[in-house]
Amino acid sequence: MSQKQPISEVDLLLIANQLIQEHENYLDGMRATSVEEKDDVLVFKGEYFLTDQGLPTEKTTAVFNMFKYLAHHLSKEFTVK
């Protein structure tokens, strides 16, 4: 198995947000604002487009799926240094 490339959180967020913007399911305002590593999996966080009452909207599911996509693809390649 190949070694994961160590990368700073800032650089990883730049890559993640580039992937988000290029993705076919991109929504205006969708953006990863933080990342942490838990058990070799990168966990991305950002705006979830909740209602004022804190309830999910249609966009919430899209954002969740996008962050899951990022975790699946980038966790294979990178580790946060």
Protein backbone atom coordinates (compact mmCIF):
# COMPACT_ATOMS: atom_id res chain seq x y z
CA MET A 1 0.00 0.00 0.00
CA SER A 2 1.34 3.42 -0.88
CA GLN A 3 2.18 5.97 1.78
CA LYS A 4 -0.22 8.82 2.40
CA GLN A 5 1.14 12.26 1.68
CA PRO A 6 1.37 14.53 4.75
CA ILE A 7 -0.42 17.82 4.09
CA SER A 8 -1.37 20.89 6.12
CA GLU A 9 -5.03 21.53 6.93
CA VAL A 10 -4.90 24.75 4.88
CA ASP A 11 -3.56 23.02 1.77
CA LEU A 12 -6.00 20.14 2.17
CA LEU A 13 -8.92 22.56 2.41
CA LEU A 14 -7.73 24.28 -0.78
CA ILE A 15 -7.77 20.93 -2.61
CA ALA A 16 -11.12 19.93 -1.08
CA ASN A 17 -12.81 23.20 -2.03
CA GLN A 18 -11.45 22.95 -5.57
CA LEU A 19 -12.96 19.46 -5.85
CA ILE A 20 -16.27 20.73 -4.44
CA GLN A 21 -16.48 23.53 -7.01
CA GLU A 22 -15.66 21.16 -9.88
CA HIS A 23 -18.17 18.52 -8.74
CA GLU A 24 -21.43 18.14 -10.69
CA ASN A 25 -23.45 18.37 -7.45
CA TYR A 26 -21.87 21.67 -6.37
CA LEU A 27 -24.29 24.19 -4.84
CA ASP A 28 -23.56 27.88 -4.44
CA GLY A 29 -22.06 28.47 -0.99
CA MET A 30 -20.96 24.86 -0.50
CA ARG A 31 -17.52 24.96 1.11
CA ALA A 32 -15.37 22.96 3.52
CA THR A 33 -14.15 25.23 6.32
CA SER A 34 -12.34 22.71 8.53
CA VAL A 35 -10.90 19.21 8.43
CA GLU A 36 -9.71 16.77 11.08
CA GLU A 37 -8.46 13.23 10.92
CA LYS A 38 -10.19 10.49 12.92
CA ASP A 39 -8.93 6.90 12.65
CA ASP A 40 -7.25 7.54 9.27
CA VAL A 41 -10.40 9.16 7.85
CA LEU A 42 -10.53 12.85 6.96
CA VAL A 43 -13.66 14.52 8.33
CA PHE A 44 -14.68 17.71 6.56
CA LYS A 45 -16.98 20.32 8.06
CA GLY A 46 -18.62 23.48 6.81
CA GLU A 47 -21.98 25.18 6.29
CA TYR A 48 -24.83 22.66 6.36
CA PHE A 49 -27.59 25.05 5.22
CA LEU A 50 -29.86 24.37 8.20
CA THR A 51 -33.08 26.29 8.80
CA ASP A 52 -33.27 28.93 11.55
CA GLN A 53 -34.69 26.16 13.74
CA GLY A 54 -31.64 23.98 13.07
CA LEU A 55 -33.48 21.56 10.82
CA PRO A 56 -31.98 20.10 7.63
CA THR A 57 -32.94 21.41 4.19
CA GLU A 58 -32.55 19.85 0.75
CA LYS A 59 -29.10 21.42 0.56
CA THR A 60 -28.08 19.75 3.85
CA THR A 61 -28.16 16.29 2.26
CA ALA A 62 -26.13 17.53 -0.72
CA VAL A 63 -23.47 18.99 1.59
CA PHE A 64 -23.34 15.84 3.72
CA ASN A 65 -22.88 13.72 0.59
CA MET A 66 -20.17 16.06 -0.70
CA PHE A 67 -18.19 15.86 2.56
CA LYS A 68 -18.58 12.07 2.49
CA TYR A 69 -17.26 12.07 -1.10
CA LEU A 70 -14.24 14.16 -0.03
CA ALA A 71 -13.53 11.84 2.92
CA HIS A 72 -13.72 8.77 0.71
CA HIS A 73 -11.41 10.15 -1.98
CA LEU A 74 -8.92 12.27 -0.04
CA SER A 75 -8.43 9.94 2.96
CA LYS A 76 -6.69 7.45 0.64
CA GLU A 77 -4.17 10.06 -0.48
CA PHE A 78 -3.49 12.40 2.44
CA THR A 79 -2.82 12.60 6.15
CA VAL A 80 -2.97 15.86 8.11
CA LYS A 81 0.45 16.90 9.40
